[in-house]
Amino acid sequence: MLVLTVEQRKYLKSQAHALKPVVMIGSQGLSEAVIKETECALAAHELIKIRVLGDDRETREAHLAQLCELLSAAPVLHIGKLLLIYRPAKIPKLRLP
């Protein structure tokens, strides 16, 4: 799992304001399809929002940790039912401070 500094997280949060969720985690949880779709979205965008439809905060935290671990990504934000994760591309689009 990637680790970000406070400044990097602030920068990524500011870049995420205009983003729409590109992956949704439904009642089935983290299925293979969700993981595969998240992988594709990270490869294409580097920084993505994920909407979790469940109401349990601990489950959302577990989904965030598991996705970041499986996909070698960094957790940026968990607010409400939205998760924000980042993984730099081979040719980065975002320049982190």
PDB file of N, CA and C in Angstrom:
ATOM      1  N   MET A   1       0.841  -1.178   0.000  1.00  0.00           N
ATOM      2  CA  MET A   1       0.000   0.000   0.000  1.00  0.00           C
ATOM      3  C   MET A   1       0.884   1.239   0.000  1.00  0.00           C
ATOM      4  N   LEU A   2       0.553   2.186  -0.821  1.00  0.00           N
ATOM      5  CA  LEU A   2       1.276   3.449  -0.908  1.00  0.00           C
ATOM      6  C   LEU A   2       0.973   4.320   0.300  1.00  0.00           C
ATOM      7  N   VAL A   3       1.916   5.128   0.702  1.00  0.00           N
ATOM      8  CA  VAL A   3       1.718   6.056   1.810  1.00  0.00           C
ATOM      9  C   VAL A   3       1.938   7.468   1.287  1.00  0.00           C
ATOM     10  N   LEU A   4       0.990   8.364   1.589  1.00  0.00           N
ATOM     11  CA  LEU A   4       1.066   9.747   1.135  1.00  0.00           C
ATOM     12  C   LEU A   4       1.336  10.674   2.308  1.00  0.00           C
ATOM     13  N   THR A   5       1.999  11.785   2.023  1.00  0.00           N
ATOM     14  CA  THR A   5       2.202  12.805   3.046  1.00  0.00           C
ATOM     15  C   THR A   5       0.918  13.622   3.178  1.00  0.00           C
ATOM     16  N   VAL A   6       0.854  14.427   4.205  1.00  0.00           N
ATOM     17  CA  VAL A   6      -0.313  15.283   4.433  1.00  0.00           C
ATOM     18  C   VAL A   6      -0.485  16.266   3.266  1.00  0.00           C
ATOM     19  N   GLU A   7       0.611  16.837   2.791  1.00  0.00           N
ATOM     20  CA  GLU A   7       0.547  17.787   1.678  1.00  0.00           C
ATOM     21  C   GLU A   7       0.048  17.112   0.406  1.00  0.00           C
ATOM     22  N   GLN A   8       0.505  15.901   0.152  1.00  0.00           N
ATOM     23  CA  GLN A   8       0.056  15.164  -1.029  1.00  0.00           C
ATOM     24  C   GLN A   8      -1.437  14.855  -0.944  1.00  0.00           C
ATOM     25  N   ARG A   9      -1.898  14.453   0.230  1.00  0.00           N
ATOM     26  CA  ARG A   9      -3.322  14.168   0.401  1.00  0.00           C
ATOM     27  C   ARG A   9      -4.162  15.420   0.201  1.00  0.00           C
ATOM     28  N   LYS A  10      -3.710  16.558   0.733  1.00  0.00           N
ATOM     29  CA  LYS A  10      -4.427  17.821   0.537  1.00  0.00           C
ATOM     30  C   LYS A  10      -4.532  18.154  -0.940  1.00  0.00           C
ATOM     31  N   TYR A  11      -3.432  17.999  -1.654  1.00  0.00           N
ATOM     32  CA  TYR A  11      -3.421  18.285  -3.087  1.00  0.00           C
ATOM     33  C   TYR A  11      -4.399  17.370  -3.832  1.00  0.00           C
ATOM     34  N   LEU A  12      -4.373  16.087  -3.518  1.00  0.00           N
ATOM     35  CA  LEU A  12      -5.263  15.137  -4.203  1.00  0.00           C
ATOM     36  C   LEU A  12      -6.728  15.412  -3.870  1.00  0.00           C
ATOM     37  N   LYS A  13      -7.016  15.793  -2.649  1.00  0.00           N
ATOM     38  CA  LYS A  13      -8.390  16.152  -2.285  1.00  0.00           C
ATOM     39  C   LYS A  13      -8.866  17.338  -3.110  1.00  0.00           C
ATOM     40  N   SER A  14      -8.002  18.315  -3.308  1.00  0.00           N
ATOM     41  CA  SER A  14      -8.389  19.486  -4.093  1.00  0.00           C
ATOM     42  C   SER A  14      -8.634  19.112  -5.557  1.00  0.00           C
ATOM     43  N   GLN A  15      -7.892  18.150  -6.067  1.00  0.00           N
ATOM     44  CA  GLN A  15      -8.071  17.708  -7.449  1.00  0.00           C
ATOM     45  C   GLN A  15      -9.335  16.873  -7.622  1.00  0.00           C
ATOM     46  N   ALA A  16      -9.842  16.317  -6.541  1.00  0.00           N
ATOM     47  CA  ALA A  16     -10.971  15.392  -6.617  1.00  0.00           C
ATOM     48  C   ALA A  16     -12.331  16.062  -6.564  1.00  0.00           C
ATOM     49  N   HIS A  17     -12.390  17.346  -6.283  1.00  0.00           N
ATOM     50  CA  HIS A  17     -13.691  18.003  -6.139  1.00  0.00           C
ATOM     51  C   HIS A  17     -14.586  17.820  -7.355  1.00  0.00           C
ATOM     52  N   ALA A  18     -14.035  17.914  -8.539  1.00  0.00           N
ATOM     53  CA  ALA A  18     -14.845  17.839  -9.753  1.00  0.00           C
ATOM     54  C   ALA A  18     -15.104  16.406 -10.224  1.00  0.00           C
ATOM     55  N   LEU A  19     -14.483  15.434  -9.582  1.00  0.00           N
ATOM     56  CA  LEU A  19     -14.627  14.050 -10.024  1.00  0.00           C
ATOM     57  C   LEU A  19     -15.984  13.466  -9.639  1.00  0.00           C
ATOM     58  N   LYS A  20     -16.491  12.611 -10.483  1.00  0.00           N
ATOM     59  CA  LYS A  20     -17.689  11.829 -10.197  1.00  0.00           C
ATOM     60  C   LYS A  20     -17.246  10.409  -9.849  1.00  0.00           C
ATOM     61  N   PRO A  21     -18.014   9.697  -9.033  1.00  0.00           N
ATOM     62  CA  PRO A  21     -17.657   8.301  -8.735  1.00  0.00           C
ATOM     63  C   PRO A  21     -17.669   7.453 -10.015  1.00  0.00           C
ATOM     64  N   VAL A  22     -16.617   6.671 -10.207  1.00  0.00           N
ATOM     65  CA  VAL A  22     -16.520   5.827 -11.394  1.00  0.00           C
ATOM     66  C   VAL A  22     -16.734   4.349 -11.078  1.00  0.00           C
ATOM     67  N   VAL A  23     -16.709   4.012  -9.793  1.00  0.00           N
ATOM     68  CA  VAL A  23     -16.933   2.629  -9.355  1.00  0.00           C
ATOM     69  C   VAL A  23     -17.944   2.672  -8.223  1.00  0.00           C
ATOM     70  N   MET A  24     -18.854   1.698  -8.221  1.00  0.00           N
ATOM     71  CA  MET A  24     -19.819   1.588  -7.131  1.00  0.00           C
ATOM     72  C   MET A  24     -19.706   0.206  -6.506  1.00  0.00           C
ATOM     73  N   ILE A  25     -19.682   0.175  -5.180  1.00  0.00           N
ATOM     74  CA  ILE A  25     -19.654  -1.089  -4.452  1.00  0.00           C
ATOM     75  C   ILE A  25     -21.039  -1.289  -3.872  1.00  0.00           C
ATOM     76  N   GLY A  26     -21.724  -2.322  -4.338  1.00  0.00           N
ATOM     77  CA  GLY A  26     -23.092  -2.586  -3.919  1.00  0.00           C
ATOM     78  C   GLY A  26     -23.179  -3.578  -2.780  1.00  0.00           C
ATOM     79  N   SER A  27     -24.310  -4.227  -2.697  1.00  0.00           N
ATOM     80  CA  SER A  27     -24.580  -5.157  -1.598  1.00  0.00           C
ATOM     81  C   SER A  27     -23.713  -6.414  -1.665  1.00  0.00           C
ATOM     82  N   GLN A  28     -23.143  -6.710  -2.822  1.00  0.00           N
ATOM     83  CA  GLN A  28     -22.287  -7.887  -2.969  1.00  0.00           C
ATOM     84  C   GLN A  28     -20.886  -7.661  -2.398  1.00  0.00           C
ATOM     85  N   GLY A  29     -20.562  -6.413  -2.061  1.00  0.00           N
ATOM     86  CA  GLY A  29     -19.251  -6.115  -1.504  1.00  0.00           C
ATOM     87  C   GLY A  29     -18.170  -6.079  -2.564  1.00  0.00           C
ATOM     88  N   LEU A  30     -16.971  -6.439  -2.183  1.00  0.00           N
ATOM     89  CA  LEU A  30     -15.837  -6.412  -3.114  1.00  0.00           C
ATOM     90  C   LEU A  30     -15.780  -7.699  -3.920  1.00  0.00           C
ATOM     91  N   SER A  31     -16.525  -7.742  -4.986  1.00  0.00           N
ATOM     92  CA  SER A  31     -16.497  -8.899  -5.871  1.00  0.00           C
ATOM     93  C   SER A  31     -15.303  -8.761  -6.819  1.00  0.00           C
ATOM     94  N   GLU A  32     -15.031  -9.812  -7.555  1.00  0.00           N
ATOM     95  CA  GLU A  32     -13.946  -9.771  -8.544  1.00  0.00           C
ATOM     96  C   GLU A  32     -14.209  -8.691  -9.590  1.00  0.00           C
ATOM     97  N   ALA A  33     -15.471  -8.517  -9.970  1.00  0.00           N
ATOM     98  CA  ALA A  33     -15.826  -7.505 -10.973  1.00  0.00           C
ATOM     99  C   ALA A  33     -15.523  -6.092 -10.462  1.00  0.00           C
ATOM    100  N   VAL A  34     -15.812  -5.834  -9.199  1.00  0.00           N
ATOM    101  CA  VAL A  34     -15.545  -4.516  -8.617  1.00  0.00           C
ATOM    102  C   VAL A  34     -14.045  -4.267  -8.562  1.00  0.00           C
ATOM    103  N   ILE A  35     -13.290  -5.252  -8.161  1.00  0.00           N
ATOM    104  CA  ILE A  35     -11.834  -5.106  -8.089  1.00  0.00           C
ATOM    105  C   ILE A  35     -11.249  -4.878  -9.476  1.00  0.00           C
ATOM    106  N   LYS A  36     -11.730  -5.618 -10.447  1.00  0.00           N
ATOM    107  CA  LYS A  36     -11.247  -5.474 -11.823  1.00  0.00           C
ATOM    108  C   LYS A  36     -11.597  -4.094 -12.388  1.00  0.00           C
ATOM    109  N   GLU A  37     -12.801  -3.630 -12.131  1.00  0.00           N
ATOM    110  CA  GLU A  37     -13.221  -2.309 -12.605  1.00  0.00           C
ATOM    111  C   GLU A  37     -12.420  -1.202 -11.929  1.00  0.00           C
ATOM    112  N   THR A  38     -12.128  -1.368 -10.649  1.00  0.00           N
ATOM    113  CA  THR A  38     -11.316  -0.388  -9.930  1.00  0.00           C
ATOM    114  C   THR A  38      -9.901  -0.354 -10.499  1.00  0.00           C
ATOM    115  N   GLU A  39      -9.362  -1.504 -10.811  1.00  0.00           N
ATOM    116  CA  GLU A  39      -8.031  -1.586 -11.434  1.00  0.00           C
ATOM    117  C   GLU A  39      -8.006  -0.825 -12.759  1.00  0.00           C
ATOM    118  N   CYS A  40      -9.010  -1.039 -13.590  1.00  0.00           N
ATOM    119  CA  CYS A  40      -9.094  -0.345 -14.888  1.00  0.00           C
ATOM    120  C   CYS A  40      -9.230   1.163 -14.699  1.00  0.00           C
ATOM    121  N   ALA A  41     -10.051   1.577 -13.748  1.00  0.00           N
ATOM    122  CA  ALA A  41     -10.253   3.005 -13.501  1.00  0.00           C
ATOM    123  C   ALA A  41      -8.973   3.666 -12.994  1.00  0.00           C
ATOM    124  N   LEU A  42      -8.251   2.997 -12.110  1.00  0.00           N
ATOM    125  CA  LEU A  42      -6.986   3.543 -11.614  1.00  0.00           C
ATOM    126  C   LEU A  42      -5.957   3.647 -12.732  1.00  0.00           C
ATOM    127  N   ALA A  43      -5.922   2.663 -13.596  1.00  0.00           N
ATOM    128  CA  ALA A  43      -4.977   2.692 -14.714  1.00  0.00           C
ATOM    129  C   ALA A  43      -5.277   3.858 -15.647  1.00  0.00           C
ATOM    130  N   ALA A  44      -6.547   4.180 -15.790  1.00  0.00           N
ATOM    131  CA  ALA A  44      -6.937   5.246 -16.705  1.00  0.00           C
ATOM    132  C   ALA A  44      -6.859   6.638 -16.083  1.00  0.00           C
ATOM    133  N   HIS A  45      -7.142   6.747 -14.784  1.00  0.00           N
ATOM    134  CA  HIS A  45      -7.316   8.070 -14.181  1.00  0.00           C
ATOM    135  C   HIS A  45      -6.367   8.417 -13.037  1.00  0.00           C
ATOM    136  N   GLU A  46      -5.701   7.481 -12.434  1.00  0.00           N
ATOM    137  CA  GLU A  46      -4.828   7.670 -11.266  1.00  0.00           C
ATOM    138  C   GLU A  46      -5.596   7.974  -9.980  1.00  0.00           C
ATOM    139  N   LEU A  47      -6.498   8.934 -10.010  1.00  0.00           N
ATOM    140  CA  LEU A  47      -7.256   9.356  -8.838  1.00  0.00           C
ATOM    141  C   LEU A  47      -8.735   9.106  -9.117  1.00  0.00           C
ATOM    142  N   ILE A  48      -9.374   8.264  -8.279  1.00  0.00           N
ATOM    143  CA  ILE A  48     -10.775   7.925  -8.538  1.00  0.00           C
ATOM    144  C   ILE A  48     -11.607   8.009  -7.263  1.00  0.00           C
ATOM    145  N   LYS A  49     -12.898   8.285  -7.488  1.00  0.00           N
ATOM    146  CA  LYS A  49     -13.875   8.231  -6.412  1.00  0.00           C
ATOM    147  C   LYS A  49     -14.669   6.944  -6.546  1.00  0.00           C
ATOM    148  N   ILE A  50     -14.969   6.354  -5.409  1.00  0.00           N
ATOM    149  CA  ILE A  50     -15.758   5.121  -5.350  1.00  0.00           C
ATOM    150  C   ILE A  50     -16.929   5.372  -4.416  1.00  0.00           C
ATOM    151  N   ARG A  51     -18.121   5.016  -4.849  1.00  0.00           N
ATOM    152  CA  ARG A  51     -19.305   5.136  -3.998  1.00  0.00           C
ATOM    153  C   ARG A  51     -19.636   3.763  -3.420  1.00  0.00           C
ATOM    154  N   VAL A  52     -19.821   3.731  -2.097  1.00  0.00           N
ATOM    155  CA  VAL A  52     -20.197   2.497  -1.406  1.00  0.00           C
ATOM    156  C   VAL A  52     -21.650   2.647  -0.971  1.00  0.00           C
ATOM    157  N   LEU A  53     -22.495   1.694  -1.358  1.00  0.00           N
ATOM    158  CA  LEU A  53     -23.918   1.809  -1.096  1.00  0.00           C
ATOM    159  C   LEU A  53     -24.325   1.342   0.299  1.00  0.00           C
ATOM    160  N   GLY A  54     -23.461   0.682   1.020  1.00  0.00           N
ATOM    161  CA  GLY A  54     -23.794   0.193   2.357  1.00  0.00           C
ATOM    162  C   GLY A  54     -23.739   1.291   3.406  1.00  0.00           C
ATOM    163  N   ASP A  55     -24.428   1.072   4.520  1.00  0.00           N
ATOM    164  CA  ASP A  55     -24.483   2.065   5.593  1.00  0.00           C
ATOM    165  C   ASP A  55     -23.462   1.831   6.704  1.00  0.00           C
ATOM    166  N   ASP A  56     -22.786   0.708   6.717  1.00  0.00           N
ATOM    167  CA  ASP A  56     -21.875   0.353   7.802  1.00  0.00           C
ATOM    168  C   ASP A  56     -20.494   0.974   7.582  1.00  0.00           C
ATOM    169  N   ARG A  57     -20.105   1.865   8.481  1.00  0.00           N
ATOM    170  CA  ARG A  57     -18.832   2.568   8.345  1.00  0.00           C
ATOM    171  C   ARG A  57     -17.631   1.628   8.395  1.00  0.00           C
ATOM    172  N   GLU A  58     -17.666   0.642   9.290  1.00  0.00           N
ATOM    173  CA  GLU A  58     -16.544  -0.293   9.396  1.00  0.00           C
ATOM    174  C   GLU A  58     -16.361  -1.091   8.109  1.00  0.00           C
ATOM    175  N   THR A  59     -17.468  -1.441   7.473  1.00  0.00           N
ATOM    176  CA  THR A  59     -17.386  -2.170   6.205  1.00  0.00           C
ATOM    177  C   THR A  59     -16.759  -1.298   5.130  1.00  0.00           C
ATOM    178  N   ARG A  60     -17.139  -0.024   5.088  1.00  0.00           N
ATOM    179  CA  ARG A  60     -16.548   0.893   4.100  1.00  0.00           C
ATOM    180  C   ARG A  60     -15.051   1.047   4.344  1.00  0.00           C
ATOM    181  N   GLU A  61     -14.655   1.161   5.613  1.00  0.00           N
ATOM    182  CA  GLU A  61     -13.222   1.250   5.950  1.00  0.00           C
ATOM    183  C   GLU A  61     -12.483  -0.011   5.506  1.00  0.00           C
ATOM    184  N   ALA A  62     -13.102  -1.155   5.712  1.00  0.00           N
ATOM    185  CA  ALA A  62     -12.483  -2.423   5.308  1.00  0.00           C
ATOM    186  C   ALA A  62     -12.353  -2.500   3.790  1.00  0.00           C
ATOM    187  N   HIS A  63     -13.386  -2.046   3.067  1.00  0.00           N
ATOM    188  CA  HIS A  63     -13.319  -2.036   1.598  1.00  0.00           C
ATOM    189  C   HIS A  63     -12.169  -1.152   1.119  1.00  0.00           C
ATOM    190  N   LEU A  64     -12.041   0.017   1.729  1.00  0.00           N
ATOM    191  CA  LEU A  64     -10.969   0.942   1.350  1.00  0.00           C
ATOM    192  C   LEU A  64      -9.601   0.309   1.577  1.00  0.00           C
ATOM    193  N   ALA A  65      -9.399  -0.259   2.746  1.00  0.00           N
ATOM    194  CA  ALA A  65      -8.108  -0.878   3.060  1.00  0.00           C
ATOM    195  C   ALA A  65      -7.814  -2.058   2.142  1.00  0.00           C
ATOM    196  N   GLN A  66      -8.829  -2.875   1.897  1.00  0.00           N
ATOM    197  CA  GLN A  66      -8.619  -4.052   1.057  1.00  0.00           C
ATOM    198  C   GLN A  66      -8.321  -3.665  -0.384  1.00  0.00           C
ATOM    199  N   LEU A  67      -9.038  -2.688  -0.924  1.00  0.00           N
ATOM    200  CA  LEU A  67      -8.774  -2.243  -2.295  1.00  0.00           C
ATOM    201  C   LEU A  67      -7.369  -1.673  -2.425  1.00  0.00           C
ATOM    202  N   CYS A  68      -6.972  -0.845  -1.477  1.00  0.00           N
ATOM    203  CA  CYS A  68      -5.642  -0.249  -1.538  1.00  0.00           C
ATOM    204  C   CYS A  68      -4.554  -1.307  -1.425  1.00  0.00           C
ATOM    205  N   GLU A  69      -4.768  -2.293  -0.598  1.00  0.00           N
ATOM    206  CA  GLU A  69      -3.793  -3.374  -0.447  1.00  0.00           C
ATOM    207  C   GLU A  69      -3.699  -4.210  -1.720  1.00  0.00           C
ATOM    208  N   LEU A  70      -4.836  -4.594  -2.275  1.00  0.00           N
ATOM    209  CA  LEU A  70      -4.852  -5.435  -3.476  1.00  0.00           C
ATOM    210  C   LEU A  70      -4.298  -4.734  -4.707  1.00  0.00           C
ATOM    211  N   LEU A  71      -4.540  -3.419  -4.813  1.00  0.00           N
ATOM    212  CA  LEU A  71      -4.197  -2.688  -6.031  1.00  0.00           C
ATOM    213  C   LEU A  71      -2.966  -1.797  -5.881  1.00  0.00           C
ATOM    214  N   SER A  72      -2.269  -1.907  -4.767  1.00  0.00           N
ATOM    215  CA  SER A  72      -1.078  -1.091  -4.496  1.00  0.00           C
ATOM    216  C   SER A  72      -1.378   0.395  -4.658  1.00  0.00           C
ATOM    217  N   ALA A  73      -2.471   0.814  -4.064  1.00  0.00           N
ATOM    218  CA  ALA A  73      -2.912   2.200  -4.146  1.00  0.00           C
ATOM    219  C   ALA A  73      -2.830   2.841  -2.770  1.00  0.00           C
ATOM    220  N   ALA A  74      -3.077   4.142  -2.733  1.00  0.00           N
ATOM    221  CA  ALA A  74      -3.045   4.880  -1.472  1.00  0.00           C
ATOM    222  C   ALA A  74      -4.439   5.400  -1.145  1.00  0.00           C
ATOM    223  N   PRO A  75      -4.882   5.195   0.086  1.00  0.00           N
ATOM    224  CA  PRO A  75      -6.154   5.799   0.489  1.00  0.00           C
ATOM    225  C   PRO A  75      -5.959   7.304   0.683  1.00  0.00           C
ATOM    226  N   VAL A  76      -6.832   8.086   0.100  1.00  0.00           N
ATOM    227  CA  VAL A  76      -6.731   9.536   0.224  1.00  0.00           C
ATOM    228  C   VAL A  76      -7.798  10.066   1.169  1.00  0.00           C
ATOM    229  N   LEU A  77      -9.037   9.576   1.013  1.00  0.00           N
ATOM    230  CA  LEU A  77     -10.139  10.129   1.773  1.00  0.00           C
ATOM    231  C   LEU A  77     -11.264   9.117   1.909  1.00  0.00           C
ATOM    232  N   HIS A  78     -11.910   9.131   3.054  1.00  0.00           N
ATOM    233  CA  HIS A  78     -13.149   8.378   3.262  1.00  0.00           C
ATOM    234  C   HIS A  78     -14.093   9.336   3.962  1.00  0.00           C
ATOM    235  N   ILE A  79     -15.080   9.795   3.224  1.00  0.00           N
ATOM    236  CA  ILE A  79     -16.047  10.714   3.804  1.00  0.00           C
ATOM    237  C   ILE A  79     -17.435  10.253   3.397  1.00  0.00           C
ATOM    238  N   GLY A  80     -18.235   9.944   4.384  1.00  0.00           N
ATOM    239  CA  GLY A  80     -19.573   9.423   4.101  1.00  0.00           C
ATOM    240  C   GLY A  80     -19.475   8.118   3.331  1.00  0.00           C
ATOM    241  N   LYS A  81     -20.160   8.064   2.210  1.00  0.00           N
ATOM    242  CA  LYS A  81     -20.157   6.849   1.389  1.00  0.00           C
ATOM    243  C   LYS A  81     -19.207   6.945   0.205  1.00  0.00           C
ATOM    244  N   LEU A  82     -18.337   7.948   0.219  1.00  0.00           N
ATOM    245  CA  LEU A  82     -17.371   8.124  -0.851  1.00  0.00           C
ATOM    246  C   LEU A  82     -15.965   7.763  -0.380  1.00  0.00           C
ATOM    247  N   LEU A  83     -15.262   7.040  -1.241  1.00  0.00           N
ATOM    248  CA  LEU A  83     -13.861   6.697  -1.009  1.00  0.00           C
ATOM    249  C   LEU A  83     -13.057   7.342  -2.125  1.00  0.00           C
ATOM    250  N   LEU A  84     -11.881   7.802  -1.808  1.00  0.00           N
ATOM    251  CA  LEU A  84     -10.993   8.400  -2.792  1.00  0.00           C
ATOM    252  C   LEU A  84      -9.668   7.671  -2.702  1.00  0.00           C
ATOM    253  N   ILE A  85      -9.234   7.103  -3.834  1.00  0.00           N
ATOM    254  CA  ILE A  85      -7.955   6.384  -3.834  1.00  0.00           C
ATOM    255  C   ILE A  85      -7.091   6.858  -4.994  1.00  0.00           C
ATOM    256  N   TYR A  86      -5.780   6.709  -4.812  1.00  0.00           N
ATOM    257  CA  TYR A  86      -4.803   7.191  -5.786  1.00  0.00           C
ATOM    258  C   TYR A  86      -3.739   6.137  -6.015  1.00  0.00           C
ATOM    259  N   ARG A  87      -3.374   5.994  -7.277  1.00  0.00           N
ATOM    260  CA  ARG A  87      -2.217   5.171  -7.640  1.00  0.00           C
ATOM    261  C   ARG A  87      -1.568   5.835  -8.841  1.00  0.00           C
ATOM    262  N   PRO A  88      -0.295   6.209  -8.738  1.00  0.00           N
ATOM    263  CA  PRO A  88       0.356   6.887  -9.856  1.00  0.00           C
ATOM    264  C   PRO A  88       0.487   5.970 -11.066  1.00  0.00           C
ATOM    265  N   ALA A  89       0.325   6.562 -12.233  1.00  0.00           N
ATOM    266  CA  ALA A  89       0.488   5.825 -13.477  1.00  0.00           C
ATOM    267  C   ALA A  89       1.974   5.719 -13.805  1.00  0.00           C
ATOM    268  N   LYS A  90       2.286   4.918 -14.816  1.00  0.00           N
ATOM    269  CA  LYS A  90       3.688   4.802 -15.238  1.00  0.00           C
ATOM    270  C   LYS A  90       4.209   6.147 -15.713  1.00  0.00           C
ATOM    271  N   ILE A  91       3.347   6.896 -16.403  1.00  0.00           N
ATOM    272  CA  ILE A  91       3.646   8.274 -16.768  1.00  0.00           C
ATOM    273  C   ILE A  91       2.632   9.129 -16.010  1.00  0.00           C
ATOM    274  N   PRO A  92       3.007   9.646 -14.834  1.00  0.00           N
ATOM    275  CA  PRO A  92       2.034  10.340 -13.978  1.00  0.00           C
ATOM    276  C   PRO A  92       1.400  11.556 -14.647  1.00  0.00           C
ATOM    277  N   LYS A  93       0.081  11.699 -14.441  1.00  0.00           N
ATOM    278  CA  LYS A  93      -0.655  12.858 -14.938  1.00  0.00           C
ATOM    279  C   LYS A  93      -0.681  13.955 -13.878  1.00  0.00           C
ATOM    280  N   LEU A  94      -0.734  13.550 -12.628  1.00  0.00           N
ATOM    281  CA  LEU A  94      -0.776  14.492 -11.511  1.00  0.00           C
ATOM    282  C   LEU A  94       0.628  14.654 -10.933  1.00  0.00           C
ATOM    283  N   ARG A  95       0.988  15.875 -10.643  1.00  0.00           N
ATOM    284  CA  ARG A  95       2.296  16.139 -10.038  1.00  0.00           C
ATOM    285  C   ARG A  95       2.094  16.420  -8.548  1.00  0.00           C
ATOM    286  N   LEU A  96       2.476  15.448  -7.745  1.00  0.00           N
ATOM    287  CA  LEU A  96       2.312  15.593  -6.306  1.00  0.00           C
ATOM    288  C   LEU A  96       3.384  16.504  -5.735  1.00  0.00           C
ATOM    289  N   PRO A  97       3.002  17.303  -4.720  1.00  0.00           N
ATOM    290  CA  PRO A  97       4.003  18.179  -4.088  1.00  0.00           C
ATOM    291  C   PRO A  97       5.040  17.383  -3.332  1.00  0.00           C
TER     292      PRO A  97
END
